[in-house]
C-alpha atoms as a PDB file:
ATOM      1  CA  MET A   1      48.286  55.835 189.196  1.00  0.00           C
ATOM      2  CA  GLY A   2      44.682  56.142 188.478  1.00  0.00           C
ATOM      3  CA  ARG A   3      42.592  55.806 185.125  1.00  0.00           C
ATOM      4  CA  ARG A   4      42.208  59.570 184.738  1.00  0.00           C
ATOM      5  CA  HIS A   5      46.099  59.842 185.021  1.00  0.00           C
ATOM      6  CA  ALA A   6      46.810  56.934 182.737  1.00  0.00           C
ATOM      7  CA  GLY A   7      44.793  58.648 179.892  1.00  0.00           C
ATOM      8  CA  ARG A   8      46.473  61.744 180.313  1.00  0.00           C
ATOM      9  CA  ALA A   9      49.972  60.144 180.222  1.00  0.00           C
ATOM     10  CA  ALA A  10      48.710  58.385 177.032  1.00  0.00           C
ATOM     11  CA  ALA A  11      47.760  61.629 175.494  1.00  0.00           C
ATOM     12  CA  THR A  12      50.892  63.152 176.390  1.00  0.00           C
ATOM     13  CA  ALA A  13      52.769  60.296 174.682  1.00  0.00           C
ATOM     14  CA  LEU A  14      50.839  60.523 171.717  1.00  0.00           C
ATOM     15  CA  ALA A  15      51.474  64.268 171.344  1.00  0.00           C
ATOM     16  CA  ALA A  16      55.059  63.575 171.917  1.00  0.00           C
ATOM     17  CA  ALA A  17      55.323  60.845 169.195  1.00  0.00           C
ATOM     18  CA  ALA A  18      53.675  63.371 166.762  1.00  0.00           C
ATOM     19  CA  LEU A  19      56.309  65.767 167.727  1.00  0.00           C
ATOM     20  CA  LEU A  20      59.129  63.307 167.133  1.00  0.00           C
ATOM     21  CA  THR A  21      57.629  62.340 163.845  1.00  0.00           C
ATOM     22  CA  ALA A  22      57.598  65.838 162.517  1.00  0.00           C
ATOM     23  CA  ALA A  23      61.211  66.412 163.825  1.00  0.00           C
ATOM     24  CA  ALA A  24      62.622  63.139 162.479  1.00  0.00           C
ATOM     25  CA  GLY A  25      60.768  63.239 158.895  1.00  0.00           C
ATOM     26  CA  CYS A  26      59.866  59.932 157.581  1.00  0.00           C
ATOM     27  CA  ARG A  27      62.058  57.871 159.972  1.00  0.00           C
ATOM     28  CA  PRO A  28      59.859  55.135 161.764  1.00  0.00           C
ATOM     29  CA  VAL A  29      59.365  55.898 165.450  1.00  0.00           C
ATOM     30  CA  THR A  30      58.390  53.480 168.252  1.00  0.00           C
ATOM     31  CA  VAL A  31      55.734  54.603 170.544  1.00  0.00           C
ATOM     32  CA  THR A  32      54.266  52.648 173.426  1.00  0.00           C
ATOM     33  CA  GLY A  33      50.792  52.899 174.693  1.00  0.00           C
ATOM     34  CA  ALA A  34      52.007  53.852 178.218  1.00  0.00           C
ATOM     35  CA  GLY A  35      54.465  56.312 177.476  1.00  0.00           C
ATOM     36  CA  ALA A  36      58.250  56.280 177.746  1.00  0.00           C
ATOM     37  CA  SER A  37      58.435  53.652 180.572  1.00  0.00           C
ATOM     38  CA  GLY A  38      56.202  51.544 178.500  1.00  0.00           C
ATOM     39  CA  GLY A  39      52.985  50.261 180.004  1.00  0.00           C
ATOM     40  CA  ARG A  40      51.625  46.828 180.359  1.00  0.00           C
ATOM     41  CA  GLY A  41      50.766  45.067 176.924  1.00  0.00           C
ATOM     42  CA  GLY A  42      52.513  48.122 174.877  1.00  0.00           C
ATOM     43  CA  GLN A  43      52.968  47.324 171.278  1.00  0.00           C
ATOM     44  CA  GLN A  44      55.602  48.738 169.195  1.00  0.00           C
ATOM     45  CA  GLN A  45      54.130  50.293 165.710  1.00  0.00           C
ATOM     46  CA  PRO A  46      56.301  52.026 163.092  1.00  0.00           C
ATOM     47  CA  PHE A  47      55.047  55.372 161.705  1.00  0.00           C
ATOM     48  CA  LEU A  48      55.710  55.579 157.886  1.00  0.00           C
ATOM     49  CA  GLY A  49      54.955  58.572 155.790  1.00  0.00           C
ATOM     50  CA  SER A  50      55.948  59.417 152.107  1.00  0.00           C
ATOM     51  CA  PRO A  51      59.488  60.607 151.609  1.00  0.00           C
ATOM     52  CA  PRO A  52      59.543  64.253 150.539  1.00  0.00           C
ATOM     53  CA  PRO A  53      60.437  65.065 146.860  1.00  0.00           C
ATOM     54  CA  PRO A  54      64.198  65.639 145.964  1.00  0.00           C
ATOM     55  CA  PRO A  55      64.725  69.520 145.703  1.00  0.00           C
ATOM     56  CA  THR A  56      64.499  70.748 142.178  1.00  0.00           C
ATOM     57  CA  TYR A  57      67.065  72.951 140.984  1.00  0.00           C
ATOM     58  CA  HIS A  58      66.348  75.337 137.807  1.00  0.00           C
ATOM     59  CA  LEU A  59      69.389  76.685 136.051  1.00  0.00           C
ATOM     60  CA  PRO A  60      69.012  79.750 134.319  1.00  0.00           C
ATOM     61  CA  THR A  61      69.004  79.194 130.405  1.00  0.00           C
ATOM     62  CA  PRO A  62      71.566  81.181 128.922  1.00  0.00           C
ATOM     63  CA  PRO A  63      70.417  83.567 126.187  1.00  0.00           C
ATOM     64  CA  ALA A  64      70.532  82.732 122.656  1.00  0.00           C
ATOM     65  CA  ARG A  65      73.277  83.998 120.508  1.00  0.00           C
ATOM     66  CA  PRO A  66      72.053  86.527 117.868  1.00  0.00           C
ATOM     67  CA  PRO A  67      72.630  85.209 114.373  1.00  0.00           C
ATOM     68  CA  ALA A  68      75.733  86.397 112.432  1.00  0.00           C
ATOM     69  CA  PRO A  69      74.756  89.339 110.287  1.00  0.00           C
ATOM     70  CA  HIS A  70      74.382  88.732 106.370  1.00  0.00           C
ATOM     71  CA  ARG A  71      77.080  90.363 104.595  1.00  0.00           C
ATOM     72  CA  THR A  72      76.663  90.992 100.819  1.00  0.00           C
ATOM     73  CA  VAL A  73      79.784  90.802  98.815  1.00  0.00           C
ATOM     74  CA  ARG A  74      79.636  92.908  95.693  1.00  0.00           C
ATOM     75  CA  LEU A  75      81.993  92.270  92.987  1.00  0.00           C
ATOM     76  CA  ARG A  76      83.416  94.912  90.990  1.00  0.00           C
ATOM     77  CA  PRO A  77      82.875  94.633  87.028  1.00  0.00           C
ATOM     78  CA  THR A  78      85.980  94.303  85.171  1.00  0.00           C
ATOM     79  CA  ALA A  79      86.304  96.520  82.179  1.00  0.00           C
ATOM     80  CA  PRO A  80      87.835  95.261  79.017  1.00  0.00           C
ATOM     81  CA  LYS A  81      91.172  96.811  77.873  1.00  0.00           C
ATOM     82  CA  PRO A  82      90.726  98.991  74.937  1.00  0.00           C
ATOM     83  CA  VAL A  83      91.914  97.684  71.792  1.00  0.00           C
ATOM     84  CA  PRO A  84      94.280 100.206  70.060  1.00  0.00           C
ATOM     85  CA  ALA A  85      93.452 100.997  66.434  1.00  0.00           C
ATOM     86  CA  ALA A  86      95.882  99.472  63.994  1.00  0.00           C
ATOM     87  CA  LYS A  87      98.333 101.796  62.078  1.00  0.00           C
ATOM     88  CA  PRO A  88      98.076 101.972  58.399  1.00  0.00           C
ATOM     89  CA  SER A  89     100.715 100.416  56.640  1.00  0.00           C
ATOM     90  CA  TYR A  90     101.339  98.485  53.354  1.00  0.00           C
ATOM     91  CA  HIS A  91     100.340  95.229  55.036  1.00  0.00           C
ATOM     92  CA  ARG A  92      96.933  96.350  56.057  1.00  0.00           C
ATOM     93  CA  PRO A  93      94.560  98.364  53.836  1.00  0.00           C
ATOM     94  CA  HIS A  94      93.679 102.023  54.667  1.00  0.00           C
ATOM     95  CA  PRO A  95      90.468 101.941  54.705  1.00  0.00           C
ATOM     96  CA  PRO A  96      89.818  98.220  53.570  1.00  0.00           C
ATOM     97  CA  ALA A  97      89.890  97.989  49.802  1.00  0.00           C
ATOM     98  CA  ALA A  98      86.157  96.692  49.337  1.00  0.00           C
ATOM     99  CA  LYS A  99      83.859  99.484  48.279  1.00  0.00           C
ATOM    100  CA  PRO A 100      80.171  98.001  48.515  1.00  0.00           C
ATOM    101  CA  ALA A 101      78.554  98.054  45.222  1.00  0.00           C
ATOM    102  CA  GLY A 102      75.987 100.804  44.473  1.00  0.00           C
ATOM    103  CA  THR A 103      77.977 103.404  46.260  1.00  0.00           C
ATOM    104  CA  PHE A 104      80.173 104.311  43.376  1.00  0.00           C
ATOM    105  CA  ASP A 105      79.738 107.772  41.666  1.00  0.00           C
ATOM    106  CA  ARG A 106      77.075 107.681  39.045  1.00  0.00           C
ATOM    107  CA  ARG A 107      79.679 108.543  36.156  1.00  0.00           C
ATOM    108  CA  CYS A 108      81.088 104.915  37.221  1.00  0.00           C
ATOM    109  CA  LEU A 109      78.200 103.001  36.314  1.00  0.00           C
ATOM    110  CA  THR A 110      78.276 103.121  32.362  1.00  0.00           C
ATOM    111  CA  GLY A 111      81.129 101.635  29.917  1.00  0.00           C
ATOM    112  CA  ARG A 112      84.548 100.716  30.816  1.00  0.00           C
ATOM    113  CA  VAL A 113      85.744 102.922  33.889  1.00  0.00           C
ATOM    114  CA  LEU A 114      88.726 103.339  36.240  1.00  0.00           C
ATOM    115  CA  CYS A 115      86.594 104.675  39.047  1.00  0.00           C
ATOM    116  CA  ILE A 116      88.755 106.324  41.685  1.00  0.00           C
ATOM    117  CA  SER A 117      87.409 107.427  44.918  1.00  0.00           C
ATOM    118  CA  LYS A 118      89.525 109.788  47.357  1.00  0.00           C
ATOM    119  CA  ARG A 119      87.182 109.151  50.248  1.00  0.00           C
ATOM    120  CA  SER A 120      87.702 105.452  50.281  1.00  0.00           C
ATOM    121  CA  ASP A 121      91.257 105.276  48.799  1.00  0.00           C
ATOM    122  CA  THR A 122      90.448 102.843  46.204  1.00  0.00           C
ATOM    123  CA  LEU A 123      90.496 102.474  42.507  1.00  0.00           C
ATOM    124  CA  THR A 124      87.746  99.924  41.001  1.00  0.00           C
ATOM    125  CA  TRP A 125      87.871  98.907  37.345  1.00  0.00           C
ATOM    126  CA  MET A 126      84.235  98.700  36.305  1.00  0.00           C
ATOM    127  CA  VAL A 127      82.801  97.368  33.176  1.00  0.00           C
ATOM    128  CA  ASP A 128      79.160  98.162  32.385  1.00  0.00           C
ATOM    129  CA  GLY A 129      78.394  99.167  35.971  1.00  0.00           C
ATOM    130  CA  LYS A 130      79.943  95.875  37.484  1.00  0.00           C
ATOM    131  CA  ALA A 131      83.244  95.895  39.779  1.00  0.00           C
ATOM    132  CA  VAL A 132      85.820  93.835  38.193  1.00  0.00           C
ATOM    133  CA  SER A 133      88.651  94.416  40.850  1.00  0.00           C
ATOM    134  CA  THR A 134      89.208  96.704  43.461  1.00  0.00           C
ATOM    135  CA  MET A 135      93.005  97.792  44.739  1.00  0.00           C
ATOM    136  CA  ASP A 136      94.358 100.476  47.248  1.00  0.00           C
ATOM    137  CA  VAL A 137      95.744 103.740  45.886  1.00  0.00           C
ATOM    138  CA  ARG A 138      97.149 106.763  47.278  1.00  0.00           C
ATOM    139  CA  PHE A 139      97.303 110.481  45.953  1.00  0.00           C
ATOM    140  CA  GLY A 140      99.138 113.474  45.615  1.00  0.00           C
ATOM    141  CA  ALA A 141     100.365 115.621  48.690  1.00  0.00           C
ATOM    142  CA  GLU A 142      98.934 119.157  49.386  1.00  0.00           C
ATOM    143  CA  TYR A 143     101.053 121.220  47.226  1.00  0.00           C
ATOM    144  CA  THR A 144     100.945 118.413  44.091  1.00  0.00           C
ATOM    145  CA  PRO A 145      97.245 117.302  44.488  1.00  0.00           C
ATOM    146  CA  THR A 146      95.598 114.677  42.225  1.00  0.00           C
ATOM    147  CA  ARG A 147      93.202 116.402  39.954  1.00  0.00           C
ATOM    148  CA  GLU A 148      89.567 115.385  40.043  1.00  0.00           C
ATOM    149  CA  GLY A 149      87.075 115.057  37.034  1.00  0.00           C
ATOM    150  CA  THR A 150      86.234 112.826  34.255  1.00  0.00           C
ATOM    151  CA  PHE A 151      88.930 111.939  31.957  1.00  0.00           C
ATOM    152  CA  GLY A 152      90.199 109.427  29.206  1.00  0.00           C
ATOM    153  CA  VAL A 153      93.144 106.922  29.292  1.00  0.00           C
ATOM    154  CA  THR A 154      95.664 108.915  26.652  1.00  0.00           C
ATOM    155  CA  PHE A 155      98.538 106.410  26.440  1.00  0.00           C
ATOM    156  CA  LYS A 156     100.110 103.435  28.442  1.00  0.00           C
ATOM    157  CA  SER A 157     103.695 103.008  28.957  1.00  0.00           C
ATOM    158  CA  ARG A 158     104.722  99.426  30.607  1.00  0.00           C
ATOM    159  CA  ARG A 159     108.354 100.588  31.753  1.00  0.00           C
ATOM    160  CA  HIS A 160     108.017 104.070  32.118  1.00  0.00           C
ATOM    161  CA  VAL A 161     110.555 106.465  34.023  1.00  0.00           C
ATOM    162  CA  SER A 162     109.479 110.175  34.952  1.00  0.00           C
ATOM    163  CA  THR A 163     111.489 112.669  32.924  1.00  0.00           C
ATOM    164  CA  LEU A 164     110.773 115.317  35.865  1.00  0.00           C
ATOM    165  CA  TYR A 165     111.401 113.137  38.872  1.00  0.00           C
ATOM    166  CA  HIS A 166     113.693 110.415  37.415  1.00  0.00           C
ATOM    167  CA  SER A 167     111.621 107.681  39.315  1.00  0.00           C
ATOM    168  CA  ALA A 168     110.344 104.493  38.003  1.00  0.00           C
ATOM    169  CA  MET A 169     106.488 104.572  36.920  1.00  0.00           C
ATOM    170  CA  PRO A 170     105.874 100.984  35.840  1.00  0.00           C
ATOM    171  CA  TYR A 171     102.434 100.139  34.342  1.00  0.00           C
ATOM    172  CA  ALA A 172     101.745 103.943  33.713  1.00  0.00           C
ATOM    173  CA  MET A 173      98.289 104.908  32.256  1.00  0.00           C
ATOM    174  CA  PHE A 174      98.124 108.547  31.923  1.00  0.00           C
ATOM    175  CA  PHE A 175      94.854 110.384  32.118  1.00  0.00           C
ATOM    176  CA  SER A 176      95.576 114.230  32.695  1.00  0.00           C
ATOM    177  CA  GLY A 177      98.933 115.775  31.619  1.00  0.00           C
ATOM    178  CA  GLY A 178     101.679 114.128  33.488  1.00  0.00           C
ATOM    179  CA  GLN A 179      99.435 112.370  36.089  1.00  0.00           C
ATOM    180  CA  ALA A 180      98.969 108.753  35.734  1.00  0.00           C
ATOM    181  CA  VAL A 181      97.491 105.636  37.469  1.00  0.00           C
ATOM    182  CA  HIS A 182     100.894 103.452  37.955  1.00  0.00           C
ATOM    183  CA  TYR A 183     102.472 101.119  40.232  1.00  0.00           C
ATOM    184  CA  SER A 184     104.719 102.566  43.223  1.00  0.00           C
ATOM    185  CA  SER A 185     107.425 100.675  45.067  1.00  0.00           C
ATOM    186  CA  ASP A 186     107.570 103.533  47.809  1.00  0.00           C
ATOM    187  CA  PHE A 187     103.691 102.923  48.469  1.00  0.00           C
ATOM    188  CA  ALA A 188     104.226  99.248  48.766  1.00  0.00           C
ATOM    189  CA  ALA A 189     106.999  99.884  51.450  1.00  0.00           C
ATOM    190  CA  ARG A 190     105.865 102.671  53.252  1.00  0.00           C
ATOM    191  CA  GLY A 191     102.120 102.816  52.910  1.00  0.00           C
ATOM    192  CA  TYR A 192     100.185 105.918  53.667  1.00  0.00           C
ATOM    193  CA  THR A 193     102.977 107.803  55.302  1.00  0.00           C
ATOM    194  CA  GLY A 194     104.087 108.985  51.868  1.00  0.00           C
ATOM    195  CA  ALA A 195     102.201 110.374  48.813  1.00  0.00           C
ATOM    196  CA  SER A 196     102.644 111.014  45.181  1.00  0.00           C
ATOM    197  CA  HIS A 197     103.383 114.082  43.227  1.00  0.00           C
ATOM    198  CA  GLY A 198     100.074 113.958  41.589  1.00  0.00           C
ATOM    199  CA  CYS A 199      99.814 110.460  40.064  1.00  0.00           C
ATOM    200  CA  VAL A 200      97.285 107.642  41.418  1.00  0.00           C
ATOM    201  CA  ASN A 201      99.918 105.183  43.145  1.00  0.00           C
ATOM    202  CA  VAL A 202      98.788 101.412  43.256  1.00  0.00           C
ATOM    203  CA  ARG A 203     100.768  99.251  45.549  1.00  0.00           C
ATOM    204  CA  ASP A 204      99.783  95.777  44.771  1.00  0.00           C
ATOM    205  CA  ARG A 205     102.013  94.821  41.678  1.00  0.00           C
ATOM    206  CA  GLN A 206      99.764  91.666  40.606  1.00  0.00           C
ATOM    207  CA  LYS A 207      96.790  93.785  40.463  1.00  0.00           C
ATOM    208  CA  ILE A 208      98.073  96.814  38.568  1.00  0.00           C
ATOM    209  CA  ALA A 209      99.500  94.452  36.080  1.00  0.00           C
ATOM    210  CA  ALA A 210      96.384  92.675  35.372  1.00  0.00           C
ATOM    211  CA  LEU A 211      94.471  96.062  35.092  1.00  0.00           C
ATOM    212  CA  PHE A 212      97.080  97.488  32.844  1.00  0.00           C
ATOM    213  CA  ALA A 213      96.657  94.379  30.412  1.00  0.00           C
ATOM    214  CA  ALA A 214      92.835  95.013  30.423  1.00  0.00           C
ATOM    215  CA  VAL A 215      92.714  98.766  29.990  1.00  0.00           C
ATOM    216  CA  ARG A 216      92.798 100.423  26.390  1.00  0.00           C
ATOM    217  CA  PRO A 217      93.487 103.921  25.420  1.00  0.00           C
ATOM    218  CA  GLY A 218      90.272 105.984  25.400  1.00  0.00           C
ATOM    219  CA  ASP A 219      88.646 104.252  28.536  1.00  0.00           C
ATOM    220  CA  LYS A 220      87.182 106.549  31.099  1.00  0.00           C
ATOM    221  CA  VAL A 221      88.809 107.751  34.335  1.00  0.00           C
ATOM    222  CA  VAL A 222      86.644 109.093  37.121  1.00  0.00           C
ATOM    223  CA  VAL A 223      88.473 110.739  40.048  1.00  0.00           C
ATOM    224  CA  TYR A 224      86.077 111.909  42.836  1.00  0.00           C
ATOM    225  CA  HIS A 225      85.849 112.635  46.605  1.00  0.00           C
END
């Protein structure tokens, strides 16, 4: 084989080696200088290349979960239970027997006065414009009303009994005909569910006893609304 043919064979061998390298990847390939039959003095030289990078797989990112909606909890206000009004009885004043000073009828502000108010249902014993004691009282019914006006104590009777109704009237202090201020056991027992026949009833026995001892005939009595 001539030198020209040997050169062509070598070129062909190199081209074939390149194709083998491309087909085999980075695997080393033995190539001789004289081709596949191997020429004289041929030397094996490995062909080393860089390994291809590993394939990269991109996993899809799951969508973010939306935040839970914010819930507003509204508490209903608790309404307090209404407190029923206390019914009047002899255990509880009706209204309270404590009329403030300075609100009395002006006729009660001088001298010794039994100051009797139908508005507050109270009797206040006053001396020279000062309240000495106050007590609950009740008055006559619709057809036997307690008379209003300015009067005077005519006489006193410690153990009086009514000649008309035959009922006991302890610590009676008469001021207008048969009408008097006196203790009433019925008022003490039933309170304001009852009424008198025109007298001014007192239900506190101790207070009426002290008042009876202090009052003198001729002391003023003022009954007003």
